[in-house]
C-alpha atoms as a PDB file:
ATOM      1  CA  MET A   1      -0.005  -0.053  -0.204  1.00  0.00           C
ATOM      2  CA  SER A   2       2.912   2.498   0.317  1.00  0.00           C
ATOM      3  CA  ARG A   3       2.859   2.766  -3.659  1.00  0.00           C
ATOM      4  CA  GLN A   4      -0.924   4.396  -3.336  1.00  0.00           C
ATOM      5  CA  ALA A   5      -0.764   7.890  -4.025  1.00  0.00           C
ATOM      6  CA  SER A   6      -2.026   9.708  -1.026  1.00  0.00           C
ATOM      7  CA  LYS A   7      -1.920  13.297  -2.891  1.00  0.00           C
ATOM      8  CA  ASP A   8      -1.543  14.626  -6.276  1.00  0.00           C
ATOM      9  CA  THR A   9      -3.937  11.827  -7.629  1.00  0.00           C
ATOM     10  CA  SER A  10      -5.341  11.563 -11.046  1.00  0.00           C
ATOM     11  CA  ALA A  11      -8.652  13.167  -9.785  1.00  0.00           C
ATOM     12  CA  GLU A  12      -6.882  15.486  -7.782  1.00  0.00           C
ATOM     13  CA  LEU A  13      -5.010  17.197 -10.991  1.00  0.00           C
ATOM     14  CA  ALA A  14      -7.642  16.985 -13.286  1.00  0.00           C
ATOM     15  CA  VAL A  15      -9.534  19.060 -10.697  1.00  0.00           C
ATOM     16  CA  ARG A  16      -6.608  21.613 -10.085  1.00  0.00           C
ATOM     17  CA  ARG A  17      -6.047  22.071 -13.682  1.00  0.00           C
ATOM     18  CA  LEU A  18      -9.472  23.048 -14.248  1.00  0.00           C
ATOM     19  CA  LEU A  19      -9.960  25.430 -11.284  1.00  0.00           C
ATOM     20  CA  HIS A  20      -6.433  26.738 -12.242  1.00  0.00           C
ATOM     21  CA  GLU A  21      -7.597  27.611 -15.693  1.00  0.00           C
ATOM     22  CA  ALA A  22     -10.781  29.380 -14.671  1.00  0.00           C
ATOM     23  CA  GLY A  23      -8.478  31.652 -12.870  1.00  0.00           C
ATOM     24  CA  LEU A  24      -8.971  30.448  -9.296  1.00  0.00           C
ATOM     25  CA  ARG A  25      -6.026  30.357  -6.846  1.00  0.00           C
ATOM     26  CA  TYR A  26      -5.679  27.758  -4.164  1.00  0.00           C
ATOM     27  CA  ARG A  27      -3.224  26.180  -1.709  1.00  0.00           C
ATOM     28  CA  VAL A  28      -2.120  22.166  -2.434  1.00  0.00           C
ATOM     29  CA  GLU A  29      -2.285  20.023   0.488  1.00  0.00           C
ATOM     30  CA  TYR A  30      -2.968  22.559   3.028  1.00  0.00           C
ATOM     31  CA  PRO A  31      -2.928  21.572   7.119  1.00  0.00           C
ATOM     32  CA  VAL A  32      -6.247  21.439   8.696  1.00  0.00           C
ATOM     33  CA  PRO A  33      -6.269  24.510  11.336  1.00  0.00           C
ATOM     34  CA  GLY A  34      -6.111  23.166  14.772  1.00  0.00           C
ATOM     35  CA  MET A  35      -6.042  19.453  13.507  1.00  0.00           C
ATOM     36  CA  ALA A  36      -2.393  17.965  13.492  1.00  0.00           C
ATOM     37  CA  ARG A  37      -1.515  15.652  10.617  1.00  0.00           C
ATOM     38  CA  ARG A  38      -4.818  16.336   8.481  1.00  0.00           C
ATOM     39  CA  ARG A  39      -4.689  18.111   5.291  1.00  0.00           C
ATOM     40  CA  ILE A  40      -6.927  19.701   2.700  1.00  0.00           C
ATOM     41  CA  ASP A  41      -6.434  18.698  -0.805  1.00  0.00           C
ATOM     42  CA  VAL A  42      -7.317  21.859  -2.196  1.00  0.00           C
ATOM     43  CA  ALA A  43      -7.885  25.227  -0.126  1.00  0.00           C
ATOM     44  CA  PHE A  44      -8.885  28.073  -0.858  1.00  0.00           C
ATOM     45  CA  THR A  45      -8.042  30.120   2.243  1.00  0.00           C
ATOM     46  CA  ARG A  46      -9.418  33.765   1.772  1.00  0.00           C
ATOM     47  CA  ALA A  47     -13.130  32.169   0.964  1.00  0.00           C
ATOM     48  CA  GLN A  48     -12.660  29.417   3.546  1.00  0.00           C
ATOM     49  CA  VAL A  49     -13.276  26.507   1.132  1.00  0.00           C
ATOM     50  CA  ALA A  50     -12.308  23.302   1.408  1.00  0.00           C
ATOM     51  CA  VAL A  51     -12.327  20.889  -1.247  1.00  0.00           C
ATOM     52  CA  LEU A  52     -11.380  17.254  -0.245  1.00  0.00           C
ATOM     53  CA  ILE A  53     -11.457  14.188  -2.974  1.00  0.00           C
ATOM     54  CA  ASP A  54     -11.716  11.022  -1.431  1.00  0.00           C
ATOM     55  CA  GLY A  55     -10.507   7.709  -2.975  1.00  0.00           C
ATOM     56  CA  CYS A  56     -13.577   4.920  -3.257  1.00  0.00           C
ATOM     57  CA  PHE A  57     -11.607   2.471  -1.340  1.00  0.00           C
ATOM     58  CA  TRP A  58      -9.939   4.242   1.207  1.00  0.00           C
ATOM     59  CA  HIS A  59     -13.090   6.409   2.063  1.00  0.00           C
ATOM     60  CA  GLY A  60     -15.856   3.875   1.609  1.00  0.00           C
ATOM     61  CA  CYS A  61     -17.655   5.283  -1.575  1.00  0.00           C
ATOM     62  CA  PRO A  62     -21.119   3.807  -1.728  1.00  0.00           C
ATOM     63  CA  GLN A  63     -20.897   2.932  -5.103  1.00  0.00           C
ATOM     64  CA  HIS A  64     -17.174   1.355  -5.617  1.00  0.00           C
ATOM     65  CA  ALA A  65     -16.126   0.694  -2.172  1.00  0.00           C
ATOM     66  CA  THR A  66     -14.657  -3.074  -1.931  1.00  0.00           C
ATOM     67  CA  HIS A  67     -13.839  -5.038   0.978  1.00  0.00           C
ATOM     68  CA  PRO A  68     -10.441  -7.411   0.933  1.00  0.00           C
ATOM     69  CA  LYS A  69     -11.523 -11.011   2.273  1.00  0.00           C
ATOM     70  CA  ALA A  70      -7.830 -11.590   3.620  1.00  0.00           C
ATOM     71  CA  ASN A  71      -7.630  -9.936   6.876  1.00  0.00           C
ATOM     72  CA  ALA A  72     -10.952  -8.778   6.357  1.00  0.00           C
ATOM     73  CA  GLU A  73     -11.703  -7.727  10.100  1.00  0.00           C
ATOM     74  CA  TRP A  74      -8.237  -5.418  10.229  1.00  0.00           C
ATOM     75  CA  TRP A  75      -9.113  -4.165   7.188  1.00  0.00           C
ATOM     76  CA  ARG A  76     -12.858  -3.224   7.936  1.00  0.00           C
ATOM     77  CA  ASN A  77     -11.777  -1.623  11.283  1.00  0.00           C
ATOM     78  CA  LYS A  78      -8.872   0.680   9.116  1.00  0.00           C
ATOM     79  CA  LEU A  79     -11.684   1.748   6.640  1.00  0.00           C
ATOM     80  CA  ASP A  80     -14.156   2.436   9.471  1.00  0.00           C
ATOM     81  CA  ARG A  81     -11.232   4.475  11.351  1.00  0.00           C
ATOM     82  CA  ASN A  82     -10.634   6.179   7.936  1.00  0.00           C
ATOM     83  CA  MET A  83     -14.368   6.991   7.714  1.00  0.00           C
ATOM     84  CA  ALA A  84     -15.027   8.737  11.054  1.00  0.00           C
ATOM     85  CA  ARG A  85     -11.985  10.818  10.936  1.00  0.00           C
ATOM     86  CA  ASP A  86     -13.427  11.983   7.878  1.00  0.00           C
ATOM     87  CA  ARG A  87     -16.553  12.671   9.650  1.00  0.00           C
ATOM     88  CA  GLU A  88     -14.398  14.612  12.263  1.00  0.00           C
ATOM     89  CA  THR A  89     -12.296  16.734  10.055  1.00  0.00           C
ATOM     90  CA  THR A  90     -15.742  17.819   8.465  1.00  0.00           C
ATOM     91  CA  GLU A  91     -17.453  18.485  11.651  1.00  0.00           C
ATOM     92  CA  HIS A  92     -13.989  20.501  12.691  1.00  0.00           C
ATOM     93  CA  LEU A  93     -14.124  22.901   9.595  1.00  0.00           C
ATOM     94  CA  THR A  94     -17.553  23.419   9.898  1.00  0.00           C
ATOM     95  CA  ALA A  95     -17.230  24.907  13.084  1.00  0.00           C
ATOM     96  CA  ILE A  96     -14.559  26.889  12.726  1.00  0.00           C
ATOM     97  CA  GLY A  97     -16.533  28.540   9.504  1.00  0.00           C
ATOM     98  CA  TRP A  98     -14.753  26.855   6.687  1.00  0.00           C
ATOM     99  CA  THR A  99     -17.451  25.285   3.810  1.00  0.00           C
ATOM    100  CA  VAL A 100     -16.467  21.525   3.139  1.00  0.00           C
ATOM    101  CA  LEU A 101     -16.976  20.091  -0.272  1.00  0.00           C
ATOM    102  CA  ARG A 102     -16.198  16.166  -0.676  1.00  0.00           C
ATOM    103  CA  PHE A 103     -16.124  14.527  -3.882  1.00  0.00           C
ATOM    104  CA  TRP A 104     -15.570  10.865  -4.853  1.00  0.00           C
ATOM    105  CA  GLU A 105     -12.433  10.273  -7.311  1.00  0.00           C
ATOM    106  CA  HIS A 106     -14.673   9.057  -9.880  1.00  0.00           C
ATOM    107  CA  GLU A 107     -16.807  12.296 -10.044  1.00  0.00           C
ATOM    108  CA  ASP A 108     -16.197  14.168 -13.422  1.00  0.00           C
ATOM    109  CA  PRO A 109     -13.472  16.509 -12.813  1.00  0.00           C
ATOM    110  CA  LYS A 110     -15.568  19.383 -15.201  1.00  0.00           C
ATOM    111  CA  ASP A 111     -18.561  18.474 -12.812  1.00  0.00           C
ATOM    112  CA  VAL A 112     -16.111  18.812  -9.496  1.00  0.00           C
ATOM    113  CA  ALA A 113     -14.696  21.879 -10.843  1.00  0.00           C
ATOM    114  CA  THR A 114     -17.819  23.570 -11.671  1.00  0.00           C
ATOM    115  CA  ARG A 115     -19.269  23.424  -8.323  1.00  0.00           C
ATOM    116  CA  VAL A 116     -15.892  24.605  -6.525  1.00  0.00           C
ATOM    117  CA  LYS A 117     -16.174  27.408  -8.922  1.00  0.00           C
ATOM    118  CA  ALA A 118     -19.759  28.440  -8.068  1.00  0.00           C
ATOM    119  CA  VAL A 119     -19.282  27.775  -4.045  1.00  0.00           C
ATOM    120  CA  VAL A 120     -15.990  29.792  -3.998  1.00  0.00           C
ATOM    121  CA  ARG A 121     -17.550  32.909  -5.923  1.00  0.00           C
ATOM    122  CA  GLN A 122     -20.250  32.701  -3.510  1.00  0.00           C
ATOM    123  CA  ARG A 123     -18.432  32.703  -0.644  1.00  0.00           C
ATOM    124  CA  LEU A 124     -15.758  35.236  -1.384  1.00  0.00           C
ATOM    125  CA  ALA A 125     -19.008  37.561  -2.491  1.00  0.00           C
ATOM    126  CA  GLU A 126     -20.571  37.022   1.118  1.00  0.00           C
ATOM    127  CA  ARG A 127     -17.202  38.300   2.606  1.00  0.00           C
ATOM    128  CA  ALA A 128     -16.822  40.959   0.748  1.00  0.00           C
ATOM    129  CA  GLY A 129     -20.101  42.282   1.745  1.00  0.00           C
ATOM    130  CA  LYS A 130     -19.078  41.898   5.326  1.00  0.00           C
END
């Protein structure tokens, strides 16, 4: 599993490329404020929007998740902890005022980028109106 990409996956790169082409600037692998050892895949710090692109296997996609048969109990615990950590991170970011957008790796990058652009622009407009 050490060869599994944990960052800069093809799904992340495709979305980031589209966001950059649209003129949006962002931070990559941004630390989650107040939580050690957790990162945001794509962070729009001024707008306080966190974009997380989750892998189907590691994060329990309802459509594509698989369950290894070898060492099944260990894997079940591991994947359950991953999903619990995802919920905890989302709750923490929401509590400190961030908007959290989670997507699956199998989602169309164009659709993801379109949704992200809309939310980022909306959040920037709201913050400018304060």
